[in-house]
Protein backbone atom coordinates (compact mmCIF):
# COMPACT_ATOMS: atom_id res chain seq x y z
CA PRO A 1 114.89 -33.54 -132.79
CA SER A 2 111.98 -35.22 -134.52
CA ALA A 3 112.74 -36.83 -137.87
CA ILE A 4 111.30 -35.18 -140.97
CA GLU A 5 108.83 -37.29 -142.92
CA ALA A 6 108.43 -37.39 -146.69
CA LEU A 7 105.58 -35.53 -148.35
CA ARG A 8 102.77 -38.05 -148.76
CA ALA A 9 99.30 -37.36 -150.11
CA PRO A 10 96.64 -38.86 -147.82
CA THR A 11 95.15 -42.19 -148.87
CA VAL A 12 91.92 -41.79 -150.77
CA VAL A 13 90.24 -44.99 -151.91
CA GLU A 14 89.10 -46.23 -148.50
CA GLY A 15 88.06 -42.74 -147.41
CA LEU A 16 85.66 -42.52 -150.34
CA GLY A 17 83.63 -45.39 -148.90
CA THR A 18 84.92 -48.16 -151.15
CA THR A 19 83.67 -51.57 -150.00
CA VAL A 20 86.63 -53.14 -148.16
CA ILE A 21 87.24 -56.79 -147.30
CA ARG A 22 89.97 -57.41 -144.73
CA ASN A 23 91.94 -60.57 -143.93
CA ALA A 24 90.86 -62.44 -147.04
CA THR A 25 92.56 -65.83 -147.24
CA GLY A 26 92.28 -66.88 -150.87
CA ASN A 27 90.87 -66.02 -154.28
CA ILE A 28 87.37 -64.55 -153.96
CA GLN A 29 84.53 -64.79 -156.47
CA PHE A 30 81.44 -62.61 -156.19
CA PRO A 31 78.39 -63.48 -158.30
CA ARG A 32 77.17 -60.22 -159.85
CA ILE A 33 74.13 -59.08 -161.78
CA SER A 34 75.76 -57.35 -164.73
CA VAL A 35 72.50 -56.47 -166.51
CA LYS A 36 69.59 -55.81 -164.16
CA ALA A 37 66.16 -57.35 -164.61
CA VAL A 38 63.37 -55.44 -166.32
CA GLY A 39 59.69 -56.10 -165.66
CA SER A 40 57.07 -55.81 -168.37
CA SER A 41 53.28 -55.65 -168.47
CA ALA A 42 51.22 -58.72 -169.29
CA THR A 43 47.55 -59.55 -169.65
CA GLU A 44 45.78 -61.71 -167.07
CA VAL A 45 46.73 -64.96 -168.80
CA GLY A 46 49.42 -63.67 -171.16
CA ALA A 47 52.91 -65.16 -171.36
CA ASP A 48 55.59 -63.42 -169.34
CA ALA A 49 58.52 -61.78 -171.12
CA ASP A 50 62.20 -62.42 -170.57
CA SER A 51 63.61 -60.07 -167.91
CA THR A 52 66.93 -59.82 -169.90
CA MET A 53 68.87 -60.11 -166.63
CA GLU A 54 72.47 -61.28 -167.04
CA MET A 55 75.02 -62.42 -164.46
CA ASP A 56 78.79 -62.65 -164.33
CA GLN A 57 81.32 -62.58 -161.49
CA VAL A 58 83.98 -60.36 -159.93
CA ASP A 59 87.25 -62.16 -159.21
CA MET A 60 89.61 -60.90 -156.51
CA THR A 61 93.13 -62.35 -156.73
CA PRO A 62 96.03 -61.33 -154.46
CA GLN A 63 98.34 -58.73 -155.99
CA ARG A 64 101.67 -58.15 -154.22
CA VAL A 65 103.09 -54.74 -153.53
CA ALA A 66 106.55 -54.74 -151.94
CA ALA A 67 109.26 -52.35 -150.84
CA LYS A 68 112.73 -52.69 -149.37
CA THR A 69 115.12 -50.22 -147.82
CA MET A 70 118.46 -50.40 -146.05
CA TYR A 71 119.80 -48.15 -143.36
CA SER A 72 122.97 -48.13 -141.31
CA LYS A 73 123.26 -49.17 -137.68
CA GLN A 74 124.95 -45.84 -137.07
CA LEU A 75 121.77 -44.05 -138.17
CA ILE A 76 119.79 -45.96 -135.54
CA LEU A 77 122.40 -45.14 -132.90
CA GLN A 78 122.18 -41.46 -133.74
CA GLY A 79 118.46 -41.17 -134.42
CA GLY A 80 117.07 -43.75 -132.02
CA SER A 81 113.58 -45.20 -132.22
CA GLU A 82 112.31 -42.10 -134.03
CA VAL A 83 114.24 -43.12 -137.17
CA ASP A 84 113.00 -46.70 -136.89
CA ARG A 85 109.41 -45.47 -136.75
CA LEU A 86 109.99 -42.97 -139.56
CA ILE A 87 111.31 -45.59 -141.99
CA ALA A 88 108.63 -48.16 -141.16
CA ASN A 89 105.83 -45.60 -141.50
CA ASP A 90 107.10 -44.36 -144.85
CA LEU A 91 107.26 -47.88 -146.28
CA ALA A 92 103.70 -48.48 -145.07
CA ALA A 93 102.64 -45.20 -146.70
CA ALA A 94 104.31 -46.36 -149.92
CA MET A 95 102.08 -49.46 -149.85
CA ASN A 96 98.96 -47.32 -149.48
CA ALA A 97 100.07 -44.94 -152.23
CA TYR A 98 100.62 -47.84 -154.63
CA ILE A 99 97.16 -49.26 -153.87
CA ASP A 100 95.48 -45.88 -154.45
CA ASP A 101 97.39 -45.46 -157.71
CA TYR A 102 96.43 -49.00 -158.81
CA ALA A 103 92.78 -48.36 -157.97
CA PHE A 104 92.49 -45.14 -159.98
CA ASP A 105 94.39 -46.67 -162.91
CA THR A 106 91.79 -49.48 -162.89
CA ILE A 107 88.94 -46.95 -162.96
CA THR A 108 90.41 -44.77 -165.72
CA ALA A 109 91.28 -47.81 -167.87
CA SER A 110 87.78 -49.28 -167.56
CA THR A 111 85.48 -49.33 -170.57
CA THR A 112 82.39 -50.03 -168.47
CA VAL A 113 82.24 -46.96 -166.22
CA ASN A 114 80.13 -44.07 -167.49
CA GLN A 115 82.30 -42.12 -169.91
CA SER A 116 81.98 -38.40 -170.60
CA SER A 117 83.40 -37.56 -174.01
CA VAL A 118 85.67 -34.63 -173.20
CA ILE A 119 88.92 -35.45 -174.97
CA ASN A 120 90.77 -32.21 -175.64
CA ALA A 121 87.74 -30.20 -174.42
CA ALA A 122 87.45 -27.61 -171.68
CA LEU A 123 86.05 -28.61 -168.29
CA THR A 124 82.59 -27.09 -167.95
CA ALA A 125 79.63 -27.22 -165.57
CA ALA A 126 77.76 -29.15 -168.27
CA ILE A 127 80.36 -31.96 -168.13
CA VAL A 128 80.12 -32.07 -164.34
CA ASN A 129 76.31 -32.26 -164.47
CA THR A 130 76.47 -35.00 -167.12
CA MET A 131 78.68 -37.12 -164.85
CA GLU A 132 76.05 -36.94 -162.13
CA THR A 133 73.21 -37.59 -164.57
CA ASP A 134 74.90 -40.70 -165.98
CA ALA A 135 75.49 -42.22 -162.54
CA LEU A 136 71.93 -41.45 -161.46
CA ALA A 137 70.46 -42.94 -164.65
CA ALA A 138 72.41 -46.16 -164.02
CA GLY A 139 70.81 -46.48 -160.57
CA ALA A 140 73.63 -45.20 -158.35
CA ASN A 141 72.72 -43.79 -154.94
CA LEU A 142 73.95 -40.21 -155.14
CA ALA A 143 73.41 -39.73 -151.40
CA GLY A 144 76.79 -41.36 -150.86
CA ALA A 145 78.53 -40.01 -153.95
CA SER A 146 81.78 -38.04 -154.11
CA TYR A 147 84.06 -36.37 -156.62
CA VAL A 148 87.73 -37.24 -156.99
CA MET A 149 89.94 -34.88 -158.97
CA SER A 150 93.46 -35.03 -160.32
CA PRO A 151 95.64 -32.04 -159.38
CA GLY A 152 95.05 -30.42 -162.76
CA ALA A 153 91.30 -30.97 -162.56
CA TYR A 154 91.24 -29.46 -159.09
CA GLY A 155 92.92 -26.33 -160.40
CA LEU A 156 90.53 -26.05 -163.34
CA SER A 157 87.47 -26.70 -161.18
CA LYS A 158 88.19 -23.74 -158.92
CA ALA A 159 87.25 -21.39 -161.75
CA LEU A 160 84.02 -23.15 -162.75
CA ALA A 161 80.62 -21.51 -162.35
CA GLN A 162 77.20 -23.14 -162.79
CA VAL A 163 76.16 -20.11 -164.84
CA ASP A 164 78.78 -17.70 -166.15
CA ALA A 165 79.84 -15.25 -163.43
CA VAL A 166 76.93 -16.23 -161.17
CA SER A 167 77.63 -19.08 -158.73
CA GLY A 168 80.83 -21.08 -158.27
CA LEU A 169 80.61 -24.87 -158.22
CA TRP A 170 82.86 -24.91 -155.14
CA ASP A 171 80.88 -23.80 -152.10
CA ASN A 172 81.89 -24.32 -148.45
CA GLY A 173 84.31 -27.11 -149.34
CA ARG A 174 81.80 -29.02 -151.49
CA PHE A 175 81.81 -29.29 -155.27
CA ASN A 176 78.44 -29.04 -157.00
CA MET A 177 76.86 -29.95 -153.62
CA TYR A 178 78.93 -33.16 -153.19
CA ASN A 179 82.00 -34.07 -151.18
CA ALA A 180 85.14 -33.73 -153.23
CA VAL A 181 88.81 -34.60 -152.80
CA ALA A 182 91.87 -34.02 -154.96
CA THR A 183 94.71 -36.52 -155.18
CA PRO A 184 97.87 -37.02 -157.26
CA TYR A 185 97.03 -40.74 -157.44
CA LEU A 186 94.42 -39.86 -160.08
CA VAL A 187 96.64 -38.67 -162.90
CA ASP A 188 95.83 -35.62 -164.98
CA GLY A 189 95.78 -37.64 -168.17
CA PHE A 190 97.89 -39.03 -170.97
CA LEU A 191 99.03 -37.74 -174.31
CA ILE A 192 95.95 -37.13 -176.44
CA ASP A 193 97.39 -36.95 -179.94
CA GLY A 194 100.95 -38.02 -179.17
CA THR A 195 102.00 -34.47 -178.38
CA THR A 196 99.27 -32.80 -176.27
CA ALA A 197 99.09 -33.68 -172.57
CA ALA A 198 95.68 -33.62 -170.92
CA GLU A 199 95.30 -31.22 -168.01
CA GLY A 200 92.87 -33.11 -165.80
CA SER A 201 90.72 -36.14 -164.94
CA MET A 202 87.73 -36.46 -162.64
CA VAL A 203 85.72 -39.36 -161.20
CA PHE A 204 82.26 -39.03 -159.65
CA GLY A 205 79.99 -41.60 -158.10
CA ASN A 206 79.15 -43.87 -155.19
CA PHE A 207 82.36 -45.75 -154.45
CA ALA A 208 80.67 -48.12 -151.98
CA GLN A 209 78.51 -49.38 -154.86
CA GLY A 210 81.09 -49.00 -157.60
CA ALA A 211 84.36 -50.35 -156.18
CA ILE A 212 85.70 -53.12 -153.95
CA LEU A 213 89.09 -53.47 -152.26
CA ALA A 214 90.35 -56.68 -150.65
CA TYR A 215 93.32 -57.10 -148.33
CA PHE A 216 94.76 -60.60 -148.09
CA GLY A 217 96.20 -60.60 -144.59
CA GLY A 218 97.85 -57.60 -142.95
CA LEU A 219 100.98 -55.58 -143.59
CA ASP A 220 104.02 -57.90 -143.50
CA LEU A 221 107.16 -56.18 -142.19
CA LEU A 222 110.46 -58.05 -141.80
CA VAL A 223 113.59 -56.57 -140.19
CA ASP A 224 116.75 -58.34 -141.36
CA PRO A 225 119.86 -57.38 -139.36
CA TYR A 226 121.88 -60.37 -140.61
CA SER A 227 122.17 -60.39 -144.42
CA ASN A 228 124.07 -57.11 -144.57
CA ALA A 229 125.88 -57.34 -141.24
CA GLY A 230 129.21 -57.13 -143.03
CA THR A 231 128.47 -53.52 -143.99
CA ALA A 232 126.76 -52.64 -140.67
CA GLN A 233 123.41 -52.18 -142.40
CA ILE A 234 119.89 -53.36 -141.63
CA ALA A 235 117.41 -54.35 -144.35
CA LEU A 236 113.72 -53.71 -143.94
CA HIS A 237 111.25 -55.59 -146.19
CA VAL A 238 107.56 -54.75 -146.45
CA ASN A 239 104.91 -56.74 -148.35
CA ARG A 240 101.17 -56.43 -148.75
CA PHE A 241 98.71 -58.50 -150.77
CA PHE A 242 95.60 -56.80 -152.10
CA ASP A 243 93.26 -56.53 -155.07
CA PHE A 244 90.96 -53.81 -156.35
CA ASP A 245 88.13 -54.16 -158.85
CA LEU A 246 84.96 -52.48 -160.00
CA ARG A 247 81.88 -53.78 -158.20
CA GLN A 248 79.21 -52.07 -160.30
CA PRO A 249 81.14 -49.89 -162.77
CA THR A 250 78.20 -47.70 -163.80
CA ALA A 251 77.95 -46.34 -160.25
CA LEU A 252 80.98 -44.28 -161.30
CA SER A 253 81.39 -41.62 -163.99
CA LEU A 254 84.73 -40.66 -165.52
CA ALA A 255 85.69 -37.44 -167.28
CA ASN A 256 89.17 -37.96 -168.65
CA HIS A 257 91.63 -36.06 -170.82
CA PHE A 258 90.06 -32.61 -170.66
CA ASN A 259 92.00 -29.39 -171.02
CA GLY A 260 91.76 -25.92 -169.53
């Protein structure tokens, strides 16, 4: 019979449209306009004013995610190639899960994304609308924007209405007229006052503008049948090098640590 796979949430970050660089070969530096230029009026022969534009850079440095597992030769004899494929696929899925988790931790820990002050507050339509307003005001292209919800936020959002008892924010699989996904890789939140756990977190914005993901080479998988031959076991090692960073943080809005 077919082997039974582990429960894995689908990968999210790439599916949201995050800018992806593949097969990078070394540290990458992107010049970035961190404060955009502003024009000002001037008379025919008047002096021009400073645009106040500022620049910095985004650095991408390889981060290693690794996993190892061991399985017996007897398992391969009994399960055949199906078990081989099952184990390799699950280790690859573990790599993707780690990268998604790392990406959302980076977003929620950022101090430069648009922040909605909702600590220990109920999730409301007003908070949702503020997230969109903040991203729009910063210059984000909402045509490519999406919502990402933690499991708790997803549950809370199902009961939201734009106006009390009138129209639900979820309509035909879209949330407040935008694509939306829920994922356990965006955590519900952390302890607010040392004792109270937050019930949800939510990110909105244009991920193509706001985030960048780099892969340094491909997935490295090594089958080692020798090191543990004395116990009739095979070791499987998987490595991947990647980095994730915020491209233009204000293209994203974060509502974190809200309660029911």
